[in-house]
């Protein structure tokens, strides 16, 4: 595995993991919204999609690790907003 690829994977994994933890904390500790277990794991599903999309190429201009990390964070935010409504 190349070092650059490992760094890219780490960026997306950290974003997905951090967002998952944030959603769980907002649900359990802060009581902002009552979020179930499966919706809480949605950012990790974005990371899984990222990993499975790395099997081949060519990749488009928008297929960047930064965009996948943002997608994971937005998925977590969408879960919290949907549960709060």
N, C-alpha and C. Protein backbone atom coordinates (compact mmCIF):
# COMPACT_ATOMS: atom_id res chain seq x y z
N UNK A 1 0.85 -1.17 0.00
CA UNK A 1 0.00 0.00 0.00
C UNK A 1 0.89 1.23 0.00
N UNK A 2 0.52 2.18 -0.82
CA UNK A 2 1.28 3.41 -0.91
C UNK A 2 0.98 4.30 0.28
N UNK A 3 1.97 5.09 0.66
CA UNK A 3 1.79 5.98 1.82
C UNK A 3 0.72 7.03 1.56
N UNK A 4 0.66 7.56 0.35
CA UNK A 4 -0.35 8.57 0.02
C UNK A 4 -1.76 7.98 0.10
N UNK A 5 -1.92 6.75 -0.37
CA UNK A 5 -3.22 6.08 -0.31
C UNK A 5 -3.62 5.84 1.14
N UNK A 6 -2.66 5.48 1.98
CA UNK A 6 -2.95 5.26 3.40
C UNK A 6 -3.39 6.56 4.07
N UNK A 7 -2.75 7.66 3.70
CA UNK A 7 -3.13 8.96 4.27
C UNK A 7 -4.54 9.34 3.84
N UNK A 8 -4.86 9.11 2.57
CA UNK A 8 -6.20 9.40 2.09
C UNK A 8 -7.25 8.56 2.83
N UNK A 9 -6.96 7.27 3.01
CA UNK A 9 -7.88 6.40 3.74
C UNK A 9 -8.06 6.88 5.18
N UNK A 10 -6.97 7.34 5.79
CA UNK A 10 -7.04 7.82 7.16
C UNK A 10 -7.90 9.07 7.28
N UNK A 11 -7.81 9.96 6.32
CA UNK A 11 -8.61 11.19 6.35
C UNK A 11 -10.10 10.85 6.31
N UNK A 12 -10.48 9.96 5.39
CA UNK A 12 -11.89 9.61 5.26
C UNK A 12 -12.35 8.81 6.48
N UNK A 13 -11.52 7.88 6.96
CA UNK A 13 -11.89 7.08 8.12
C UNK A 13 -12.03 7.95 9.37
N UNK A 14 -11.15 8.91 9.55
CA UNK A 14 -11.23 9.79 10.71
C UNK A 14 -12.49 10.65 10.66
N UNK A 15 -12.83 11.14 9.48
CA UNK A 15 -14.05 11.93 9.35
C UNK A 15 -15.29 11.09 9.65
N UNK A 16 -15.34 9.88 9.08
CA UNK A 16 -16.50 9.01 9.30
C UNK A 16 -16.59 8.58 10.75
N UNK A 17 -15.47 8.20 11.34
CA UNK A 17 -15.48 7.77 12.73
C UNK A 17 -15.81 8.89 13.69
N UNK A 18 -15.22 10.05 13.45
CA UNK A 18 -15.49 11.20 14.31
C UNK A 18 -16.95 11.65 14.22
N UNK A 19 -17.50 11.62 13.02
CA UNK A 19 -18.89 12.00 12.85
C UNK A 19 -19.82 10.99 13.51
N UNK A 20 -19.49 9.71 13.41
CA UNK A 20 -20.29 8.67 14.06
C UNK A 20 -20.29 8.86 15.57
N UNK A 21 -19.14 9.15 16.13
CA UNK A 21 -19.04 9.39 17.57
C UNK A 21 -19.83 10.64 17.95
N UNK A 22 -19.72 11.68 17.14
CA UNK A 22 -20.45 12.92 17.43
C UNK A 22 -21.96 12.69 17.41
N UNK A 23 -22.45 11.92 16.43
CA UNK A 23 -23.88 11.63 16.37
C UNK A 23 -24.31 10.84 17.59
N UNK A 24 -23.51 9.87 17.99
CA UNK A 24 -23.85 9.06 19.17
C UNK A 24 -23.85 9.92 20.43
N UNK A 25 -22.89 10.81 20.56
CA UNK A 25 -22.84 11.68 21.74
C UNK A 25 -24.01 12.67 21.75
N UNK A 26 -24.34 13.23 20.60
CA UNK A 26 -25.47 14.15 20.54
C UNK A 26 -26.77 13.44 20.87
N UNK A 27 -26.86 12.18 20.52
CA UNK A 27 -28.06 11.41 20.79
C UNK A 27 -28.14 10.97 22.24
N UNK A 28 -27.05 10.37 22.72
CA UNK A 28 -27.10 9.78 24.05
C UNK A 28 -26.85 10.75 25.19
N UNK A 29 -25.79 11.52 25.11
CA UNK A 29 -25.39 12.38 26.22
C UNK A 29 -26.11 13.72 26.18
N UNK A 30 -26.08 14.38 25.04
CA UNK A 30 -26.66 15.72 24.96
C UNK A 30 -28.18 15.69 24.82
N UNK A 31 -28.71 14.59 24.33
CA UNK A 31 -30.16 14.49 24.18
C UNK A 31 -30.73 15.40 23.13
N UNK A 32 -29.91 15.80 22.16
CA UNK A 32 -30.38 16.70 21.10
C UNK A 32 -31.43 16.01 20.25
N UNK A 33 -31.18 14.76 19.92
CA UNK A 33 -32.11 13.99 19.09
C UNK A 33 -32.00 12.53 19.47
N UNK A 34 -33.08 11.82 19.33
CA UNK A 34 -33.09 10.38 19.62
C UNK A 34 -32.79 9.64 18.31
N UNK A 35 -31.55 9.19 18.18
CA UNK A 35 -31.10 8.54 16.95
C UNK A 35 -30.91 7.05 17.23
N UNK A 36 -31.44 6.21 16.36
CA UNK A 36 -31.28 4.78 16.50
C UNK A 36 -29.87 4.33 16.13
N UNK A 37 -29.62 3.04 16.32
CA UNK A 37 -28.28 2.51 16.08
C UNK A 37 -27.91 2.54 14.60
N UNK A 38 -28.78 2.06 13.74
CA UNK A 38 -28.45 2.02 12.32
C UNK A 38 -28.25 3.41 11.71
N UNK A 39 -29.12 4.38 11.98
CA UNK A 39 -28.85 5.72 11.44
C UNK A 39 -27.54 6.32 11.97
N UNK A 40 -27.17 5.97 13.19
CA UNK A 40 -25.92 6.48 13.74
C UNK A 40 -24.73 6.01 12.93
N UNK A 41 -24.83 4.84 12.33
CA UNK A 41 -23.72 4.26 11.58
C UNK A 41 -23.66 4.73 10.12
N UNK A 42 -24.54 5.62 9.71
CA UNK A 42 -24.55 6.08 8.33
C UNK A 42 -23.22 6.67 7.86
N UNK A 43 -22.50 7.47 8.65
CA UNK A 43 -21.20 7.96 8.19
C UNK A 43 -20.20 6.83 7.91
N UNK A 44 -20.29 5.74 8.66
CA UNK A 44 -19.41 4.61 8.38
C UNK A 44 -19.78 3.91 7.08
N UNK A 45 -21.05 3.98 6.71
CA UNK A 45 -21.47 3.44 5.41
C UNK A 45 -20.86 4.26 4.27
N UNK A 46 -20.74 5.55 4.46
CA UNK A 46 -20.08 6.40 3.46
C UNK A 46 -18.62 5.98 3.32
N UNK A 47 -17.96 5.69 4.42
CA UNK A 47 -16.57 5.22 4.38
C UNK A 47 -16.48 3.88 3.66
N UNK A 48 -17.44 2.99 3.90
CA UNK A 48 -17.44 1.69 3.21
C UNK A 48 -17.60 1.90 1.71
N UNK A 49 -18.48 2.81 1.31
CA UNK A 49 -18.63 3.12 -0.12
C UNK A 49 -17.33 3.65 -0.70
N UNK A 50 -16.64 4.49 0.07
CA UNK A 50 -15.34 5.01 -0.38
C UNK A 50 -14.36 3.87 -0.61
N UNK A 51 -14.29 2.93 0.33
CA UNK A 51 -13.36 1.82 0.18
C UNK A 51 -13.69 0.96 -1.03
N UNK A 52 -14.97 0.67 -1.23
CA UNK A 52 -15.36 -0.17 -2.36
C UNK A 52 -15.20 0.55 -3.70
N UNK A 53 -15.22 1.87 -3.69
CA UNK A 53 -15.04 2.62 -4.93
C UNK A 53 -13.58 2.71 -5.34
N UNK A 54 -12.67 2.32 -4.48
CA UNK A 54 -11.24 2.39 -4.76
C UNK A 54 -10.72 1.18 -5.54
N UNK A 55 -11.58 0.32 -5.99
CA UNK A 55 -11.16 -0.92 -6.64
C UNK A 55 -10.59 -0.71 -8.04
N UNK A 56 -10.98 0.33 -8.71
CA UNK A 56 -10.53 0.51 -10.09
C UNK A 56 -10.30 1.95 -10.42
N UNK A 57 -10.47 2.29 -11.61
CA UNK A 57 -10.29 3.65 -12.05
C UNK A 57 -10.86 3.76 -13.44
N UNK A 58 -10.80 4.79 -14.12
CA UNK A 58 -10.30 6.09 -13.68
C UNK A 58 -11.32 6.79 -12.78
N UNK A 59 -10.84 7.67 -11.97
CA UNK A 59 -11.67 8.39 -11.03
C UNK A 59 -11.97 9.77 -11.58
N UNK A 60 -13.14 10.28 -11.26
CA UNK A 60 -13.55 11.59 -11.73
C UNK A 60 -12.90 12.72 -10.93
N UNK A 61 -13.17 13.93 -11.37
CA UNK A 61 -12.60 15.11 -10.70
C UNK A 61 -13.13 15.27 -9.28
N UNK A 62 -14.37 14.85 -9.05
CA UNK A 62 -14.97 15.01 -7.73
C UNK A 62 -14.64 13.85 -6.79
N UNK A 63 -14.03 12.82 -7.30
CA UNK A 63 -13.71 11.63 -6.49
C UNK A 63 -12.39 11.84 -5.75
N UNK A 64 -12.45 12.68 -4.75
CA UNK A 64 -11.29 13.02 -3.92
C UNK A 64 -11.57 12.60 -2.48
N UNK A 65 -10.55 12.21 -1.72
CA UNK A 65 -10.76 11.85 -0.32
C UNK A 65 -11.40 12.98 0.49
N UNK A 66 -11.05 14.21 0.19
CA UNK A 66 -11.63 15.35 0.89
C UNK A 66 -13.14 15.38 0.70
N UNK A 67 -13.60 15.12 -0.51
CA UNK A 67 -15.04 15.13 -0.78
C UNK A 67 -15.75 13.97 -0.08
N UNK A 68 -15.10 12.81 0.00
CA UNK A 68 -15.68 11.68 0.72
C UNK A 68 -15.76 11.99 2.21
N UNK A 69 -14.74 12.67 2.76
CA UNK A 69 -14.76 13.05 4.17
C UNK A 69 -15.90 14.03 4.44
N UNK A 70 -16.10 14.97 3.54
CA UNK A 70 -17.20 15.93 3.68
C UNK A 70 -18.54 15.21 3.57
N UNK A 71 -18.63 14.23 2.68
CA UNK A 71 -19.87 13.47 2.52
C UNK A 71 -20.21 12.70 3.79
N UNK A 72 -19.20 12.15 4.45
CA UNK A 72 -19.42 11.44 5.71
C UNK A 72 -19.93 12.40 6.79
N UNK A 73 -19.33 13.58 6.86
CA UNK A 73 -19.77 14.57 7.84
C UNK A 73 -21.19 15.06 7.55
N UNK A 74 -21.50 15.27 6.28
CA UNK A 74 -22.85 15.70 5.92
C UNK A 74 -23.88 14.61 6.19
N UNK A 75 -23.50 13.35 6.01
CA UNK A 75 -24.41 12.25 6.31
C UNK A 75 -24.75 12.23 7.80
N UNK A 76 -23.74 12.45 8.64
CA UNK A 76 -23.99 12.51 10.08
C UNK A 76 -24.87 13.68 10.46
N UNK A 77 -24.61 14.83 9.84
CA UNK A 77 -25.44 16.00 10.13
C UNK A 77 -26.88 15.78 9.68
N UNK A 78 -27.05 15.13 8.54
CA UNK A 78 -28.41 14.84 8.06
C UNK A 78 -29.15 13.90 9.00
N UNK A 79 -28.44 12.95 9.58
CA UNK A 79 -29.07 12.03 10.55
C UNK A 79 -29.55 12.80 11.78
N UNK A 80 -28.72 13.68 12.29
CA UNK A 80 -29.09 14.46 13.48
C UNK A 80 -30.27 15.38 13.18
N UNK A 81 -30.22 16.05 12.05
CA UNK A 81 -31.31 16.97 11.69
C UNK A 81 -32.61 16.19 11.47
N UNK A 82 -32.52 15.06 10.79
CA UNK A 82 -33.73 14.26 10.55
C UNK A 82 -34.31 13.72 11.85
N UNK A 83 -33.47 13.34 12.78
CA UNK A 83 -33.95 12.80 14.06
C UNK A 83 -34.51 13.92 14.95
N UNK A 84 -33.99 15.12 14.80
CA UNK A 84 -34.44 16.25 15.61
C UNK A 84 -35.81 16.76 15.17
N UNK A 85 -36.15 16.51 13.94
CA UNK A 85 -37.44 17.02 13.41
C UNK A 85 -38.55 16.14 13.82
